Amino acid sequence: MRPNGIHVPLVTPFTGAGGIDVKSLERLARHCLEGGAAGLVALATTGEGALLNGAEQQTVLEVCRGVSLEHGTPLTVGAGSMGTEDTVRQARERARWADALLVVVPYYLRPSDEGVIEHFATVGAAVDVPVLPYDIPYRTGKRLTVETVLRLLELDCVAGMKYCPGAIDHDALGVLSGAPAGKSVLCGDDPYIYPMLQLGAAGAVTASACLAPQAFAAMAEASRTGNAARALAFHNALLPMVNALFSEPAPAVLKAALAELGLIDDPSVRAPLRPPGPEPVARALSSLRAVL
């Protein structure tokens, strides 16, 4: 599996009683794939995966796997914790549902770069599906050098990575220009998808595409085929919506907007997340209408 195109990390809709809303999850998954997404991502941060119990996680995986099989598209499953042993446990449990595992760089402990390389090599050796490291230093507290990121991409068990530098900076340029042939760099920062595609990223993992899968898929396709002007037009149209969606802790604004559109039935999030204010939700929906 060499991931490319737009992969959508799904929110996890809840019922009014607090359980998993299977029907809403199925509806949202089909909306994304029928809108042109290349694949789905389950149990990611957007899906509040760490806030679900084991039975709830399995329900999400069953639903997402079923919809992915219907559409013939890959399913990527989130995994990972601050420790290697627990990450291996999660990876083994979830690999049977997955075409790839999205594994976050160990957080909080801030291990050495060599420790991070060993972590991913150990996880990759424990499962029989490709691993996609998820590098997001402004959440993990661990910033990898360009050389370390490229070494991760050279691991046989690694098919690509979700890369979230937080800016198009010197390091991002080094990663995008130095990525080994056959390995995919996927943008994980929604505002930077267009410039990273133009600089050689193979696609993106974007929560915002839950709302507008067609527009993000069209932007990626325009970039892939060399139509930079069309891709830029989509970027400029989508950016206000993206900014509104991330103006409060995600995925609160996104879930509220999805509920307003009827794509999920209930906008609730789990503590310590809180419901969003009305203004960013209205701004996201207004921006979406402009895109559509």
Protein backbone atom coordinates (compact mmCIF):
# COMPACT_ATOMS: atom_id res chain seq x y z
CA MET A 1 0.00 0.00 0.00
CA ARG A 2 1.39 3.38 -1.03
CA PRO A 3 -1.19 5.87 0.25
CA ASN A 4 -2.13 8.84 -1.89
CA GLY A 5 -5.05 11.19 -2.36
CA ILE A 6 -7.40 12.38 0.36
CA HIS A 7 -7.86 10.15 3.43
CA VAL A 8 -10.56 11.23 5.85
CA PRO A 9 -10.25 10.72 9.62
CA LEU A 10 -13.86 10.23 10.64
CA VAL A 11 -15.46 11.73 13.72
CA THR A 12 -17.16 9.22 15.99
CA PRO A 13 -20.85 10.19 16.27
CA PHE A 14 -22.54 9.51 19.59
CA THR A 15 -26.19 8.88 20.40
CA GLY A 16 -28.10 11.05 22.83
CA ALA A 17 -27.45 8.37 25.44
CA GLY A 18 -23.70 8.54 24.83
CA GLY A 19 -23.12 5.34 22.84
CA ILE A 20 -21.78 4.92 19.30
CA ASP A 21 -24.26 6.04 16.64
CA VAL A 22 -23.63 3.33 14.06
CA LYS A 23 -26.09 4.68 11.49
CA SER A 24 -24.56 8.15 11.56
CA LEU A 25 -21.05 6.71 11.29
CA GLU A 26 -22.04 4.64 8.26
CA ARG A 27 -23.74 7.65 6.66
CA LEU A 28 -20.69 9.86 7.15
CA ALA A 29 -18.27 7.20 5.89
CA ARG A 30 -20.28 6.72 2.69
CA HIS A 31 -20.57 10.50 2.23
CA CYS A 32 -16.77 10.80 2.28
CA LEU A 33 -16.03 7.89 -0.05
CA GLU A 34 -18.81 8.76 -2.50
CA GLY A 35 -17.43 12.31 -2.50
CA GLY A 36 -14.09 11.11 -3.85
CA ALA A 37 -11.99 10.35 -0.77
CA ALA A 38 -9.29 7.75 -1.40
CA GLY A 39 -9.78 6.12 1.99
CA LEU A 40 -10.95 6.41 5.58
CA VAL A 41 -9.07 6.68 8.86
CA ALA A 42 -10.64 5.24 12.02
CA LEU A 43 -9.76 5.81 15.69
CA ALA A 44 -7.68 8.90 14.97
CA THR A 45 -7.63 12.03 17.14
CA THR A 46 -10.58 13.39 15.14
CA GLY A 47 -12.49 10.23 16.03
CA GLU A 48 -11.84 10.71 19.77
CA GLY A 49 -10.29 7.25 19.63
CA ALA A 50 -8.50 7.58 22.97
CA LEU A 51 -11.82 8.45 24.65
CA LEU A 52 -13.57 5.24 23.52
CA ASN A 53 -13.60 1.99 25.46
CA GLY A 54 -12.53 -1.29 23.87
CA ALA A 55 -16.02 -2.36 22.80
CA GLU A 56 -16.70 1.05 21.27
CA GLN A 57 -13.41 0.97 19.38
CA GLN A 58 -14.31 -2.42 17.92
CA THR A 59 -17.73 -1.13 16.83
CA VAL A 60 -16.08 1.77 15.00
CA LEU A 61 -13.63 -0.59 13.31
CA GLU A 62 -16.40 -2.98 12.21
CA VAL A 63 -18.44 -0.16 10.69
CA CYS A 64 -15.51 1.51 8.93
CA ARG A 65 -14.17 -1.79 7.63
CA GLY A 66 -17.56 -2.72 6.25
CA VAL A 67 -18.04 0.57 4.40
CA SER A 68 -14.46 0.44 3.10
CA LEU A 69 -15.03 -3.06 1.70
CA GLU A 70 -18.25 -1.88 0.02
CA HIS A 71 -16.29 0.83 -1.81
CA GLY A 72 -13.04 -1.06 -2.39
CA THR A 73 -11.00 1.57 -0.54
CA PRO A 74 -8.31 1.21 2.12
CA LEU A 75 -8.91 1.66 5.82
CA THR A 76 -6.18 3.17 7.96
CA VAL A 77 -6.48 2.66 11.70
CA GLY A 78 -4.97 4.87 14.38
CA ALA A 79 -2.80 3.36 17.10
CA GLY A 80 -0.05 4.31 19.47
CA SER A 81 0.75 5.52 22.97
CA MET A 82 3.82 6.90 24.73
CA GLY A 83 5.24 3.40 25.27
CA THR A 84 6.49 0.86 22.74
CA GLU A 85 5.03 -2.19 24.49
CA ASP A 86 1.53 -0.73 24.66
CA THR A 87 1.77 0.54 21.08
CA VAL A 88 2.68 -2.98 19.89
CA ARG A 89 -0.34 -4.33 21.78
CA GLN A 90 -2.67 -1.82 20.13
CA ALA A 91 -1.13 -2.41 16.72
CA ARG A 92 -1.60 -6.17 16.94
CA GLU A 93 -5.20 -5.83 18.09
CA ARG A 94 -6.12 -3.39 15.31
CA ALA A 95 -4.05 -4.72 12.41
CA ARG A 96 -6.67 -7.27 11.40
CA TRP A 97 -9.08 -4.44 10.56
CA ALA A 98 -6.51 -2.29 8.81
CA ASP A 99 -4.79 -1.86 5.48
CA ALA A 100 -2.32 0.40 7.29
CA LEU A 101 -1.75 1.61 10.84
CA LEU A 102 -1.35 5.31 11.61
CA VAL A 103 1.03 5.30 14.58
CA VAL A 104 1.78 8.51 16.44
CA VAL A 105 5.33 9.43 17.44
CA PRO A 106 5.68 8.61 21.17
CA TYR A 107 4.48 11.64 23.08
CA TYR A 108 5.21 13.41 26.36
CA LEU A 109 8.35 11.37 27.18
CA ARG A 110 10.32 13.02 24.36
CA PRO A 111 12.59 10.03 23.64
CA SER A 112 15.76 10.37 21.60
CA ASP A 113 15.53 10.22 17.81
CA GLU A 114 17.20 6.80 17.96
CA GLY A 115 14.52 5.72 20.41
CA VAL A 116 11.83 6.85 17.96
CA ILE A 117 13.45 4.89 15.11
CA GLU A 118 13.61 1.77 17.29
CA HIS A 119 9.99 2.30 18.38
CA PHE A 120 8.67 2.23 14.82
CA ALA A 121 10.93 -0.64 13.76
CA THR A 122 9.59 -2.69 16.68
CA VAL A 123 5.97 -1.87 15.91
CA GLY A 124 6.44 -2.63 12.21
CA ALA A 125 8.01 -6.00 13.00
CA ALA A 126 5.02 -6.95 15.15
CA VAL A 127 2.34 -6.59 12.45
CA ASP A 128 1.81 -7.60 8.85
CA VAL A 129 0.37 -4.32 7.55
CA PRO A 130 2.29 -1.14 6.66
CA VAL A 131 2.93 1.50 9.28
CA LEU A 132 2.43 5.24 8.73
CA PRO A 133 4.26 7.28 11.37
CA TYR A 134 2.27 10.31 12.50
CA ASP A 135 4.65 13.18 13.17
CA ILE A 136 2.91 16.08 14.92
CA PRO A 137 5.46 17.77 17.18
CA TYR A 138 3.20 20.54 18.43
CA ARG A 139 1.04 17.85 20.08
CA THR A 140 3.61 15.18 20.99
CA GLY A 141 6.28 17.53 22.33
CA LYS A 142 8.89 15.65 20.27
CA ARG A 143 10.42 17.34 17.23
CA LEU A 144 12.28 15.06 14.83
CA THR A 145 15.12 16.23 12.64
CA VAL A 146 14.76 16.03 8.87
CA GLU A 147 17.34 13.25 8.86
CA THR A 148 15.31 11.22 11.37
CA VAL A 149 12.08 11.67 9.41
CA LEU A 150 13.82 10.44 6.26
CA ARG A 151 15.27 7.47 8.16
CA LEU A 152 11.75 6.57 9.30
CA LEU A 153 10.57 6.66 5.71
CA GLU A 154 13.41 4.30 4.73
CA LEU A 155 12.21 1.57 7.12
CA ASP A 156 10.83 -1.41 5.19
CA CYS A 157 7.72 -1.52 7.40
CA VAL A 158 6.87 2.13 6.63
CA ALA A 159 4.79 2.97 3.54
CA GLY A 160 4.63 6.70 4.15
CA MET A 161 3.79 9.13 6.90
CA LYS A 162 1.35 11.74 8.10
CA TYR A 163 3.46 14.86 8.40
CA CYS A 164 2.30 17.86 10.41
CA PRO A 165 5.11 20.41 10.62
CA GLY A 166 2.77 23.29 11.51
CA ALA A 167 4.29 25.43 8.76
CA ILE A 168 5.95 25.23 5.38
CA ASP A 169 9.40 25.73 6.85
CA HIS A 170 12.95 24.62 6.05
CA ASP A 171 12.38 21.20 7.63
CA ALA A 172 9.20 20.61 5.63
CA LEU A 173 11.05 21.46 2.43
CA GLY A 174 13.79 19.00 3.37
CA VAL A 175 11.33 16.19 4.07
CA LEU A 176 9.33 16.74 0.88
CA SER A 177 12.41 16.98 -1.34
CA GLY A 178 14.25 14.09 0.34
CA ALA A 179 11.49 11.49 0.76
CA PRO A 180 12.59 8.14 -0.68
CA ALA A 181 11.01 7.00 -3.95
CA GLY A 182 7.93 4.90 -3.33
CA LYS A 183 7.22 6.38 0.09
CA SER A 184 4.32 8.81 0.56
CA VAL A 185 4.31 12.02 2.56
CA LEU A 186 0.73 12.90 3.48
CA CYS A 187 -0.04 16.39 4.74
CA GLY A 188 -1.77 16.33 8.11
CA ASP A 189 -2.16 20.09 8.55
CA ASP A 190 -5.38 21.08 6.80
CA PRO A 191 -4.39 24.70 5.98
CA TYR A 192 -1.19 23.54 4.26
CA ILE A 193 -2.53 20.79 2.01
CA TYR A 194 -2.32 22.83 -1.21
CA PRO A 195 1.28 24.03 -0.79
CA MET A 196 2.45 20.60 0.36
CA LEU A 197 0.78 18.95 -2.65
CA GLN A 198 2.53 21.44 -4.91
CA LEU A 199 5.84 20.56 -3.24
CA GLY A 200 5.40 16.84 -3.78
CA ALA A 201 3.16 15.45 -1.04
CA ALA A 202 1.21 12.40 -2.23
CA GLY A 203 -2.01 13.43 -0.52
CA ALA A 204 -3.44 14.37 2.84
CA VAL A 205 -5.13 13.10 5.96
CA THR A 206 -7.69 15.83 6.53
CA ALA A 207 -10.54 16.02 9.01
CA SER A 208 -12.05 18.98 7.12
CA ALA A 209 -12.86 16.63 4.26
CA CYS A 210 -15.63 15.14 6.40
CA LEU A 211 -17.58 18.26 5.41
CA ALA A 212 -16.34 18.79 1.85
CA PRO A 213 -14.83 15.59 0.43
CA GLN A 214 -15.54 16.57 -3.18
CA ALA A 215 -13.67 19.86 -2.91
CA PHE A 216 -10.61 18.34 -1.23
CA ALA A 217 -10.55 15.46 -3.71
CA ALA A 218 -10.80 17.95 -6.59
CA MET A 219 -7.96 20.02 -5.16
CA ALA A 220 -5.75 16.94 -4.87
CA GLU A 221 -6.62 15.80 -8.39
CA ALA A 222 -5.90 19.23 -9.83
CA SER A 223 -2.51 19.24 -8.13
CA ARG A 224 -1.75 15.72 -9.36
CA THR A 225 -2.55 16.62 -12.96
CA GLY A 226 -0.60 19.86 -12.94
CA ASN A 227 -3.53 22.29 -12.83
CA ALA A 228 -2.07 24.51 -10.12
CA ALA A 229 -4.49 27.37 -10.76
CA ARG A 230 -7.54 25.14 -10.18
CA ALA A 231 -5.96 23.63 -7.07
CA LEU A 232 -5.19 27.10 -5.72
CA ALA A 233 -8.77 28.20 -6.30
CA PHE A 234 -10.00 25.30 -4.16
CA HIS A 235 -7.41 26.09 -1.49
CA ASN A 236 -8.49 29.73 -1.28
CA ALA A 237 -12.15 28.73 -1.10
CA LEU A 238 -11.59 26.06 1.56
CA LEU A 239 -9.23 27.97 3.85
CA PRO A 240 -11.92 30.03 5.68
CA MET A 241 -13.85 26.83 6.44
CA VAL A 242 -10.69 25.10 7.68
CA ASN A 243 -9.82 28.04 9.91
CA ALA A 244 -13.31 28.02 11.42
CA LEU A 245 -13.22 24.27 12.05
CA PHE A 246 -9.99 24.53 14.03
CA SER A 247 -10.76 27.76 15.87
CA GLU A 248 -11.80 25.67 18.91
CA PRO A 249 -10.45 22.29 20.07
CA ALA A 250 -11.24 19.71 17.40
CA PRO A 251 -13.50 18.00 16.56
CA ALA A 252 -16.16 20.06 18.37
CA VAL A 253 -16.85 22.58 15.59
CA LEU A 254 -16.66 19.88 12.92
CA LYS A 255 -19.19 17.65 14.70
CA ALA A 256 -21.58 20.56 15.21
CA ALA A 257 -21.37 21.48 11.52
CA LEU A 258 -21.89 17.86 10.46
CA ALA A 259 -24.98 17.65 12.68
CA GLU A 260 -26.37 20.88 11.21
CA LEU A 261 -26.09 19.29 7.75
CA GLY A 262 -27.70 16.02 8.89
CA LEU A 263 -24.59 13.97 8.18
CA ILE A 264 -24.60 12.88 11.83
CA ASP A 265 -27.51 13.04 14.24
CA ASP A 266 -25.85 14.43 17.37
CA PRO A 267 -22.91 16.86 17.74
CA SER A 268 -21.80 15.79 21.21
CA VAL A 269 -18.14 15.31 22.14
CA ARG A 270 -16.65 13.58 25.16
CA ALA A 271 -15.05 15.29 28.14
CA PRO A 272 -12.72 17.03 28.51
CA LEU A 273 -13.85 18.40 25.13
CA ARG A 274 -16.76 20.84 25.25
CA PRO A 275 -19.45 21.91 22.79
CA PRO A 276 -18.34 24.82 20.58
CA GLY A 277 -19.76 28.31 20.54
CA PRO A 278 -22.27 29.11 17.79
CA GLU A 279 -20.07 31.61 15.93
CA PRO A 280 -17.38 29.27 14.56
CA VAL A 281 -20.03 26.72 13.54
CA ALA A 282 -21.95 29.39 11.61
CA ARG A 283 -18.69 30.59 10.05
CA ALA A 284 -17.74 27.06 8.97
CA LEU A 285 -21.14 26.44 7.39
CA SER A 286 -21.16 29.82 5.64
CA SER A 287 -17.71 29.12 4.24
CA LEU A 288 -18.81 25.64 3.13
CA ARG A 289 -21.76 27.11 1.23
CA ALA A 290 -19.35 29.40 -0.59
CA VAL A 291 -17.22 26.40 -1.57
CA LEU A 292 -20.20 24.40 -2.80
